[in-house]
């Protein structure tokens, strides 16, 4: 499960890569309750172990639903982070009480470290691809403005920026509209 950040505490969690219906159901139950081991692992920067969902006193409403709706009997939630940036938690489940011992927890922490690095790398790759696409779209719009108004790249970008402010649109959204001809560009007075 990973979170999106808004201030100190997250406002939104989402299941990034559930491995089946049982983990998905557990995530749904946690989200509905707004609390649980995954939340605590992320919020309090710790590993949370539930030895037995029947006797664990934390999150009583959640544990009751977990007992009724899933075969889960023990849980291990480990915070995922790299370079101090929280990314979420890795949740492991067992269908028997006491399913995770200290050795398993240590191995899971190592796995979580690798998962955090992979998630961080994927996020950076996604941001890079998005930035390249944005740059390309803005470049196309600038080129179209240069041709339409016989101006240089600096003047075309300035025009795009000014229009974006006047229209209360991001430069990227305006560039998309210009590029896909969803927006007729008004003359600049030099025509």
Protein backbone atom coordinates (compact mmCIF):
# COMPACT_ATOMS: atom_id res chain seq x y z
CA UNK A 1 0.00 0.00 0.00
CA UNK A 2 1.32 3.46 -0.78
CA UNK A 3 0.23 6.90 0.18
CA UNK A 4 -0.08 10.25 -1.44
CA UNK A 5 1.05 13.08 0.75
CA UNK A 6 -0.85 16.19 1.80
CA UNK A 7 0.85 17.79 4.77
CA UNK A 8 2.15 15.65 7.63
CA UNK A 9 -0.40 12.84 7.44
CA UNK A 10 -1.56 11.24 4.22
CA UNK A 11 -5.06 11.91 2.98
CA UNK A 12 -5.12 9.02 0.56
CA UNK A 13 -3.78 5.49 0.53
CA UNK A 14 -3.99 3.15 -2.40
CA UNK A 15 -3.08 -0.45 -2.89
CA UNK A 16 -0.21 -0.35 -5.37
CA UNK A 17 0.36 -4.05 -5.97
CA UNK A 18 -1.90 -6.48 -4.16
CA UNK A 19 -1.01 -10.09 -4.89
CA UNK A 20 -4.51 -11.53 -4.63
CA UNK A 21 -8.05 -11.14 -3.37
CA UNK A 22 -7.17 -11.58 0.32
CA UNK A 23 -4.59 -8.75 0.46
CA UNK A 24 -6.95 -6.58 -1.59
CA UNK A 25 -9.77 -7.26 0.89
CA UNK A 26 -7.47 -6.42 3.81
CA UNK A 27 -6.56 -3.10 2.16
CA UNK A 28 -10.23 -2.30 1.55
CA UNK A 29 -11.01 -3.01 5.22
CA UNK A 30 -8.12 -0.82 6.41
CA UNK A 31 -9.16 2.01 4.11
CA UNK A 32 -12.75 1.80 5.30
CA UNK A 33 -11.66 1.94 8.96
CA UNK A 34 -9.00 4.59 8.32
CA UNK A 35 -6.56 2.74 10.54
CA UNK A 36 -4.57 -0.44 10.79
CA UNK A 37 -1.05 -1.85 10.68
CA UNK A 38 -0.23 -0.38 7.26
CA UNK A 39 -1.25 3.11 8.41
CA UNK A 40 0.82 2.78 11.58
CA UNK A 41 3.84 1.46 9.67
CA UNK A 42 3.76 4.55 7.45
CA UNK A 43 2.74 7.17 10.03
CA UNK A 44 5.00 6.02 12.85
CA UNK A 45 7.97 4.75 10.80
CA UNK A 46 7.96 1.29 12.25
CA UNK A 47 7.37 -2.35 11.56
CA UNK A 48 4.01 -3.51 12.87
CA UNK A 49 3.49 -7.16 13.72
CA UNK A 50 0.11 -8.67 14.53
CA UNK A 51 0.78 -12.06 16.07
CA UNK A 52 -2.90 -13.04 16.18
CA UNK A 53 -5.83 -11.05 14.79
CA UNK A 54 -8.08 -12.80 17.34
CA UNK A 55 -6.27 -11.44 20.39
CA UNK A 56 -4.60 -8.23 19.15
CA UNK A 57 -6.14 -5.30 21.08
CA UNK A 58 -5.30 -2.63 18.47
CA UNK A 59 -7.93 -1.62 15.92
CA UNK A 60 -10.75 -3.78 17.36
CA UNK A 61 -13.29 -2.98 14.60
CA UNK A 62 -10.75 -3.72 11.88
CA UNK A 63 -9.60 -6.96 13.50
CA UNK A 64 -13.24 -8.14 13.84
CA UNK A 65 -13.81 -7.55 10.12
CA UNK A 66 -10.51 -9.23 9.20
CA UNK A 67 -11.51 -12.32 11.23
CA UNK A 68 -14.96 -12.43 9.63
CA UNK A 69 -13.99 -11.71 6.01
CA UNK A 70 -10.52 -13.18 5.48
CA UNK A 71 -8.38 -16.19 6.39
CA UNK A 72 -5.68 -13.81 7.71
CA UNK A 73 -4.53 -14.62 11.22
CA UNK A 74 -1.21 -12.71 11.45
CA UNK A 75 0.16 -9.64 9.70
CA UNK A 76 3.52 -7.98 9.21
CA UNK A 77 3.53 -4.38 7.89
CA UNK A 78 6.90 -2.79 7.11
CA UNK A 79 7.40 0.83 6.12
CA UNK A 80 8.95 1.36 2.70
CA UNK A 81 11.30 4.31 2.44
CA UNK A 82 14.40 5.46 0.63
CA UNK A 83 16.46 8.52 1.51
CA UNK A 84 13.95 9.44 4.21
CA UNK A 85 11.05 9.67 1.75
CA UNK A 86 8.15 7.53 2.89
CA UNK A 87 6.61 5.53 0.09
CA UNK A 88 4.21 3.18 1.82
CA UNK A 89 4.27 -0.20 3.47
CA UNK A 90 4.85 -3.78 2.49
CA UNK A 91 2.17 -5.99 4.03
CA UNK A 92 2.67 -9.72 4.55
CA UNK A 93 -0.08 -12.06 5.71
CA UNK A 94 -0.28 -15.53 7.20
CA UNK A 95 -3.29 -17.78 7.62
CA UNK A 96 -2.00 -18.94 10.99
CA UNK A 97 -1.44 -17.09 14.24
CA UNK A 98 2.24 -16.42 14.93
CA UNK A 99 3.04 -16.73 11.24
CA UNK A 100 6.04 -14.39 11.44
CA UNK A 101 9.06 -14.95 13.66
CA UNK A 102 12.06 -12.65 14.15
CA UNK A 103 14.02 -14.26 11.30
CA UNK A 104 11.11 -13.88 8.89
CA UNK A 105 10.71 -10.26 9.98
CA UNK A 106 14.40 -9.60 9.28
CA UNK A 107 14.10 -11.16 5.82
CA UNK A 108 10.93 -9.15 5.18
CA UNK A 109 12.72 -5.91 6.14
CA UNK A 110 15.44 -6.75 3.59
CA UNK A 111 12.75 -7.45 0.99
CA UNK A 112 11.02 -4.16 1.87
CA UNK A 113 14.29 -2.29 1.33
CA UNK A 114 14.60 -3.74 -2.17
CA UNK A 115 10.92 -3.05 -2.87
CA UNK A 116 11.31 0.58 -1.75
CA UNK A 117 14.29 1.07 -4.05
CA UNK A 118 12.40 -0.48 -6.96
CA UNK A 119 9.31 1.65 -6.26
CA UNK A 120 11.40 4.80 -5.99
CA UNK A 121 13.19 4.00 -9.25
CA UNK A 122 9.90 3.32 -11.00
CA UNK A 123 8.49 6.61 -9.71
CA UNK A 124 11.56 8.51 -10.94
CA UNK A 125 11.29 6.79 -14.33
CA UNK A 126 7.61 7.69 -14.55
CA UNK A 127 8.37 11.32 -13.64
CA UNK A 128 11.17 11.43 -16.21
CA UNK A 129 8.92 10.06 -18.96
CA UNK A 130 6.21 12.53 -17.99
CA UNK A 131 8.68 15.43 -18.02
CA UNK A 132 9.94 14.39 -21.47
CA UNK A 133 6.39 14.19 -22.81
CA UNK A 134 5.57 17.58 -21.27
CA UNK A 135 8.71 19.14 -22.71
CA UNK A 136 7.89 17.72 -26.14
CA UNK A 137 4.32 19.02 -26.06
CA UNK A 138 5.39 22.49 -24.93
CA UNK A 139 8.09 22.49 -27.63
CA UNK A 140 5.51 21.65 -30.28
CA UNK A 141 3.23 24.47 -29.13
CA UNK A 142 6.15 26.91 -29.08
CA UNK A 143 7.05 25.85 -32.62
CA UNK A 144 3.48 26.35 -33.81
CA UNK A 145 3.38 29.84 -32.25
CA UNK A 146 6.76 30.69 -33.80
CA UNK A 147 5.47 29.76 -37.24
CA UNK A 148 2.03 31.36 -36.83
CA UNK A 149 3.33 34.70 -35.53
CA UNK A 150 6.81 34.76 -37.06
CA UNK A 151 8.49 35.14 -33.65
CA UNK A 152 11.46 33.50 -31.96
CA UNK A 153 11.29 30.71 -29.38
CA UNK A 154 11.65 33.04 -26.39
CA UNK A 155 8.76 35.24 -27.53
CA UNK A 156 6.64 32.18 -28.32
CA UNK A 157 7.22 30.68 -24.88
CA UNK A 158 6.48 34.05 -23.25
CA UNK A 159 3.22 34.19 -25.24
CA UNK A 160 2.35 30.70 -24.04
CA UNK A 161 3.11 31.67 -20.45
CA UNK A 162 1.10 34.89 -20.62
CA UNK A 163 -1.90 33.12 -22.18
CA UNK A 164 -1.69 30.39 -19.56
CA UNK A 165 -1.94 33.01 -16.80
CA UNK A 166 -4.76 34.88 -18.52
CA UNK A 167 -6.72 31.70 -19.14
CA UNK A 168 -5.90 30.19 -15.75
CA UNK A 169 -4.50 27.03 -17.36
CA UNK A 170 -1.16 25.37 -16.78
CA UNK A 171 1.40 25.95 -19.52
CA UNK A 172 1.26 22.21 -20.24
CA UNK A 173 -2.53 22.15 -20.60
CA UNK A 174 -2.46 25.24 -22.84
CA UNK A 175 0.33 23.68 -24.93
CA UNK A 176 -1.82 20.55 -25.31
CA UNK A 177 -4.78 22.64 -26.47
CA UNK A 178 -2.63 24.60 -28.92
CA UNK A 179 -0.93 21.49 -30.27
CA UNK A 180 -4.18 19.59 -30.76
CA UNK A 181 -5.84 22.70 -32.18
CA UNK A 182 -8.49 22.75 -29.46
CA UNK A 183 -7.83 26.43 -28.95
CA UNK A 184 -7.66 29.07 -31.65
CA UNK A 185 -4.65 31.24 -30.92
CA UNK A 186 -5.52 34.93 -31.08
CA UNK A 187 -3.15 37.30 -32.86
CA UNK A 188 -0.51 39.19 -30.91
CA UNK A 189 -1.14 42.53 -32.54
CA UNK A 190 1.77 42.18 -34.97
CA UNK A 191 -0.28 40.72 -37.78
